Amino acid sequence: MATSTDRDQQTQKLRELIKDIDYGMFTTVDDDGSLHSYPMSKSGEINSDSILWFFTYAGSHKVTEIEQHEQVNISFSSPEQQRYVSISGTSKLVKDRNKMRELWKPELQTWFPKGLDEPDIALLQVNINQVNYWDSASSFKPQIISF
């Protein structure tokens, strides 16, 4: 089991790996076991509890999938830096207005034209379990961070 200091170092390493990568492919599991991937913009930094946040519409199909199968994967890539990151975890829908205000960024207006007044707006909270990454700095041997 990771100590608090280990977890802080692991979280910081993950922050560094994806700090310059805004969009990731968010993958869910459907009822028939098929995988569905959606491009999603991360909202804010990974917090000290190793949680990632994404804005969504509460009535979207990905939310239905998460309610049935909470396991998700988010992959980030930066080919020009030869960096590839795959994050496994569990997700749930969160409708906390204060958290939404904290994480809101103007660029999201493209997908949510009414901003935080959008009636169906919500957050997906991803609790990170494991990270696999490959980058040119560490060689292309996969590296693993477990939370």
C-alpha atoms as a PDB file:
ATOM      1  CA  MET A   1       0.000   0.000   0.000  1.00  0.00           C
ATOM      2  CA  ALA A   2       1.303   3.427  -0.932  1.00  0.00           C
ATOM      3  CA  THR A   3       2.089   5.888   1.814  1.00  0.00           C
ATOM      4  CA  SER A   4       0.741   9.429   1.715  1.00  0.00           C
ATOM      5  CA  THR A   5       4.134  10.717   0.532  1.00  0.00           C
ATOM      6  CA  ASP A   6       4.300   8.043  -2.203  1.00  0.00           C
ATOM      7  CA  ARG A   7       0.781   8.940  -3.327  1.00  0.00           C
ATOM      8  CA  ASP A   8       1.665  12.651  -3.431  1.00  0.00           C
ATOM      9  CA  GLN A   9       4.741  11.891  -5.559  1.00  0.00           C
ATOM     10  CA  GLN A  10       2.724   9.623  -7.869  1.00  0.00           C
ATOM     11  CA  THR A  11       0.012  12.271  -8.270  1.00  0.00           C
ATOM     12  CA  GLN A  12       2.645  14.915  -9.032  1.00  0.00           C
ATOM     13  CA  LYS A  13       4.256  12.644 -11.641  1.00  0.00           C
ATOM     14  CA  LEU A  14       0.868  12.152 -13.322  1.00  0.00           C
ATOM     15  CA  ARG A  15       0.208  15.910 -13.266  1.00  0.00           C
ATOM     16  CA  GLU A  16       3.521  16.456 -15.061  1.00  0.00           C
ATOM     17  CA  LEU A  17       2.750  13.768 -17.634  1.00  0.00           C
ATOM     18  CA  ILE A  18      -0.561  15.294 -18.737  1.00  0.00           C
ATOM     19  CA  LYS A  19      -0.160  18.994 -17.867  1.00  0.00           C
ATOM     20  CA  ASP A  20       0.191  20.058 -21.515  1.00  0.00           C
ATOM     21  CA  ILE A  21      -2.462  17.662 -22.840  1.00  0.00           C
ATOM     22  CA  ASP A  22      -5.977  19.045 -22.490  1.00  0.00           C
ATOM     23  CA  TYR A  23      -7.991  16.391 -24.338  1.00  0.00           C
ATOM     24  CA  GLY A  24      -8.134  12.680 -23.686  1.00  0.00           C
ATOM     25  CA  MET A  25     -10.178   9.783 -24.978  1.00  0.00           C
ATOM     26  CA  PHE A  26     -12.631   8.797 -22.236  1.00  0.00           C
ATOM     27  CA  THR A  27     -13.603   5.118 -22.595  1.00  0.00           C
ATOM     28  CA  THR A  28     -16.655   3.475 -21.013  1.00  0.00           C
ATOM     29  CA  VAL A  29     -18.154  -0.033 -21.085  1.00  0.00           C
ATOM     30  CA  ASP A  30     -21.652  -0.550 -22.538  1.00  0.00           C
ATOM     31  CA  ASP A  31     -24.134  -3.204 -21.368  1.00  0.00           C
ATOM     32  CA  ASP A  32     -23.017  -5.644 -24.060  1.00  0.00           C
ATOM     33  CA  GLY A  33     -19.377  -5.255 -23.005  1.00  0.00           C
ATOM     34  CA  SER A  34     -18.407  -3.094 -25.969  1.00  0.00           C
ATOM     35  CA  LEU A  35     -16.121  -0.140 -25.393  1.00  0.00           C
ATOM     36  CA  HIS A  36     -17.081   3.426 -26.339  1.00  0.00           C
ATOM     37  CA  SER A  37     -14.599   6.300 -26.434  1.00  0.00           C
ATOM     38  CA  TYR A  38     -15.370  10.012 -26.304  1.00  0.00           C
ATOM     39  CA  PRO A  39     -12.974  12.965 -26.645  1.00  0.00           C
ATOM     40  CA  MET A  40     -13.159  14.901 -23.376  1.00  0.00           C
ATOM     41  CA  SER A  41     -11.402  17.967 -21.984  1.00  0.00           C
ATOM     42  CA  LYS A  42     -10.080  17.558 -18.459  1.00  0.00           C
ATOM     43  CA  SER A  43     -11.225  20.204 -16.007  1.00  0.00           C
ATOM     44  CA  GLY A  44      -8.558  21.414 -13.620  1.00  0.00           C
ATOM     45  CA  GLU A  45      -5.566  19.570 -12.289  1.00  0.00           C
ATOM     46  CA  ILE A  46      -5.613  16.175 -10.682  1.00  0.00           C
ATOM     47  CA  ASN A  47      -6.281  16.899  -7.032  1.00  0.00           C
ATOM     48  CA  SER A  48      -4.447  15.488  -4.008  1.00  0.00           C
ATOM     49  CA  ASP A  49      -6.968  12.618  -3.822  1.00  0.00           C
ATOM     50  CA  SER A  50      -5.933  11.547  -7.350  1.00  0.00           C
ATOM     51  CA  ILE A  51      -9.243  12.569  -8.920  1.00  0.00           C
ATOM     52  CA  LEU A  52      -9.789  13.833 -12.465  1.00  0.00           C
ATOM     53  CA  TRP A  53     -12.872  15.878 -13.426  1.00  0.00           C
ATOM     54  CA  PHE A  54     -14.781  16.230 -16.708  1.00  0.00           C
ATOM     55  CA  PHE A  55     -17.893  18.243 -17.568  1.00  0.00           C
ATOM     56  CA  THR A  56     -20.723  16.358 -19.276  1.00  0.00           C
ATOM     57  CA  TYR A  57     -24.453  16.313 -19.850  1.00  0.00           C
ATOM     58  CA  ALA A  58     -26.130  14.202 -17.158  1.00  0.00           C
ATOM     59  CA  GLY A  59     -28.441  12.638 -19.742  1.00  0.00           C
ATOM     60  CA  SER A  60     -25.661  11.477 -22.064  1.00  0.00           C
ATOM     61  CA  HIS A  61     -25.154   7.846 -23.018  1.00  0.00           C
ATOM     62  CA  LYS A  62     -21.725   7.746 -21.359  1.00  0.00           C
ATOM     63  CA  VAL A  63     -23.404   8.549 -18.026  1.00  0.00           C
ATOM     64  CA  THR A  64     -25.821   5.634 -18.529  1.00  0.00           C
ATOM     65  CA  GLU A  65     -22.825   3.404 -19.240  1.00  0.00           C
ATOM     66  CA  ILE A  66     -20.998   4.594 -16.104  1.00  0.00           C
ATOM     67  CA  GLU A  67     -24.072   3.961 -13.966  1.00  0.00           C
ATOM     68  CA  GLN A  68     -23.951   0.321 -15.136  1.00  0.00           C
ATOM     69  CA  HIS A  69     -20.165  -0.155 -15.259  1.00  0.00           C
ATOM     70  CA  GLU A  70     -18.128   2.349 -13.265  1.00  0.00           C
ATOM     71  CA  GLN A  71     -14.783   1.236 -14.744  1.00  0.00           C
ATOM     72  CA  VAL A  72     -13.353   3.759 -17.211  1.00  0.00           C
ATOM     73  CA  ASN A  73     -10.118   4.524 -18.982  1.00  0.00           C
ATOM     74  CA  ILE A  74      -8.798   7.868 -20.158  1.00  0.00           C
ATOM     75  CA  SER A  75      -5.904   7.995 -22.599  1.00  0.00           C
ATOM     76  CA  PHE A  76      -3.815  11.074 -23.287  1.00  0.00           C
ATOM     77  CA  SER A  77      -1.157  11.367 -25.960  1.00  0.00           C
ATOM     78  CA  SER A  78       1.418  13.871 -27.049  1.00  0.00           C
ATOM     79  CA  PRO A  79       3.140  12.326 -30.086  1.00  0.00           C
ATOM     80  CA  GLU A  80       5.481  15.299 -30.530  1.00  0.00           C
ATOM     81  CA  GLN A  81       6.830  14.621 -27.012  1.00  0.00           C
ATOM     82  CA  GLN A  82       6.586  10.857 -27.471  1.00  0.00           C
ATOM     83  CA  ARG A  83       4.365  10.681 -24.389  1.00  0.00           C
ATOM     84  CA  TYR A  84       1.405   8.313 -23.986  1.00  0.00           C
ATOM     85  CA  VAL A  85      -0.633   7.971 -20.801  1.00  0.00           C
ATOM     86  CA  SER A  86      -3.423   5.511 -20.003  1.00  0.00           C
ATOM     87  CA  ILE A  87      -5.418   6.068 -16.788  1.00  0.00           C
ATOM     88  CA  SER A  88      -7.689   3.370 -15.337  1.00  0.00           C
ATOM     89  CA  GLY A  89     -10.216   4.149 -12.662  1.00  0.00           C
ATOM     90  CA  THR A  90     -13.822   4.325 -11.624  1.00  0.00           C
ATOM     91  CA  SER A  91     -16.229   7.121 -12.419  1.00  0.00           C
ATOM     92  CA  LYS A  92     -19.476   8.548 -11.107  1.00  0.00           C
ATOM     93  CA  LEU A  93     -21.800  11.438 -11.905  1.00  0.00           C
ATOM     94  CA  VAL A  94     -21.568  14.502  -9.618  1.00  0.00           C
ATOM     95  CA  LYS A  95     -24.035  17.414  -9.673  1.00  0.00           C
ATOM     96  CA  ASP A  96     -22.268  19.662  -7.158  1.00  0.00           C
ATOM     97  CA  ARG A  97     -22.821  23.274  -8.310  1.00  0.00           C
ATOM     98  CA  ASN A  98     -19.953  24.592  -6.162  1.00  0.00           C
ATOM     99  CA  LYS A  99     -17.533  22.106  -7.705  1.00  0.00           C
ATOM    100  CA  MET A 100     -18.754  23.064 -11.173  1.00  0.00           C
ATOM    101  CA  ARG A 101     -18.136  26.758 -10.453  1.00  0.00           C
ATOM    102  CA  GLU A 102     -14.645  25.907  -9.184  1.00  0.00           C
ATOM    103  CA  LEU A 103     -13.746  23.913 -12.320  1.00  0.00           C
ATOM    104  CA  TRP A 104     -15.512  25.958 -14.999  1.00  0.00           C
ATOM    105  CA  LYS A 105     -13.363  27.419 -17.776  1.00  0.00           C
ATOM    106  CA  PRO A 106     -14.628  29.682 -20.588  1.00  0.00           C
ATOM    107  CA  GLU A 107     -13.507  27.272 -23.332  1.00  0.00           C
ATOM    108  CA  LEU A 108     -16.273  24.898 -22.221  1.00  0.00           C
ATOM    109  CA  GLN A 109     -18.868  27.354 -23.557  1.00  0.00           C
ATOM    110  CA  THR A 110     -18.435  25.676 -26.966  1.00  0.00           C
ATOM    111  CA  TRP A 111     -20.046  22.478 -25.650  1.00  0.00           C
ATOM    112  CA  PHE A 112     -22.239  24.067 -22.985  1.00  0.00           C
ATOM    113  CA  PRO A 113     -23.627  27.247 -24.623  1.00  0.00           C
ATOM    114  CA  LYS A 114     -25.539  28.316 -21.505  1.00  0.00           C
ATOM    115  CA  GLY A 115     -22.482  27.788 -19.323  1.00  0.00           C
ATOM    116  CA  LEU A 116     -23.253  26.766 -15.778  1.00  0.00           C
ATOM    117  CA  ASP A 117     -26.908  27.654 -16.434  1.00  0.00           C
ATOM    118  CA  GLU A 118     -27.133  24.651 -18.756  1.00  0.00           C
ATOM    119  CA  PRO A 119     -29.966  22.584 -17.195  1.00  0.00           C
ATOM    120  CA  ASP A 120     -28.367  19.147 -17.726  1.00  0.00           C
ATOM    121  CA  ILE A 121     -24.747  20.044 -16.916  1.00  0.00           C
ATOM    122  CA  ALA A 122     -22.880  17.791 -14.504  1.00  0.00           C
ATOM    123  CA  LEU A 123     -19.419  16.462 -13.721  1.00  0.00           C
ATOM    124  CA  LEU A 124     -17.811  13.077 -14.084  1.00  0.00           C
ATOM    125  CA  GLN A 125     -15.493  12.296 -11.201  1.00  0.00           C
ATOM    126  CA  VAL A 126     -12.776   9.784 -12.035  1.00  0.00           C
ATOM    127  CA  ASN A 127     -11.011   8.107  -9.121  1.00  0.00           C
ATOM    128  CA  ILE A 128      -7.657   6.993 -10.495  1.00  0.00           C
ATOM    129  CA  ASN A 129      -6.558   3.428  -9.741  1.00  0.00           C
ATOM    130  CA  GLN A 130      -3.611   2.903 -12.060  1.00  0.00           C
ATOM    131  CA  VAL A 131      -1.599   4.744 -14.690  1.00  0.00           C
ATOM    132  CA  ASN A 132       0.475   3.201 -17.462  1.00  0.00           C
ATOM    133  CA  TYR A 133       2.716   5.558 -19.368  1.00  0.00           C
ATOM    134  CA  TRP A 134       5.377   5.599 -22.021  1.00  0.00           C
ATOM    135  CA  ASP A 135       7.582   8.581 -22.713  1.00  0.00           C
ATOM    136  CA  SER A 136      10.870   9.247 -24.419  1.00  0.00           C
ATOM    137  CA  ALA A 137      12.439  10.421 -21.149  1.00  0.00           C
ATOM    138  CA  SER A 138      11.945   7.023 -19.492  1.00  0.00           C
ATOM    139  CA  SER A 139      12.289   4.842 -22.623  1.00  0.00           C
ATOM    140  CA  PHE A 140       9.422   3.070 -24.251  1.00  0.00           C
ATOM    141  CA  LYS A 141       9.296   0.407 -21.606  1.00  0.00           C
ATOM    142  CA  PRO A 142       5.896   0.901 -19.939  1.00  0.00           C
ATOM    143  CA  GLN A 143       5.963   2.545 -16.533  1.00  0.00           C
ATOM    144  CA  ILE A 144       3.210   1.911 -13.980  1.00  0.00           C
ATOM    145  CA  ILE A 145       1.856   4.078 -11.179  1.00  0.00           C
ATOM    146  CA  SER A 146      -0.636   2.389  -8.844  1.00  0.00           C
ATOM    147  CA  PHE A 147      -2.787   4.435  -6.507  1.00  0.00           C
END
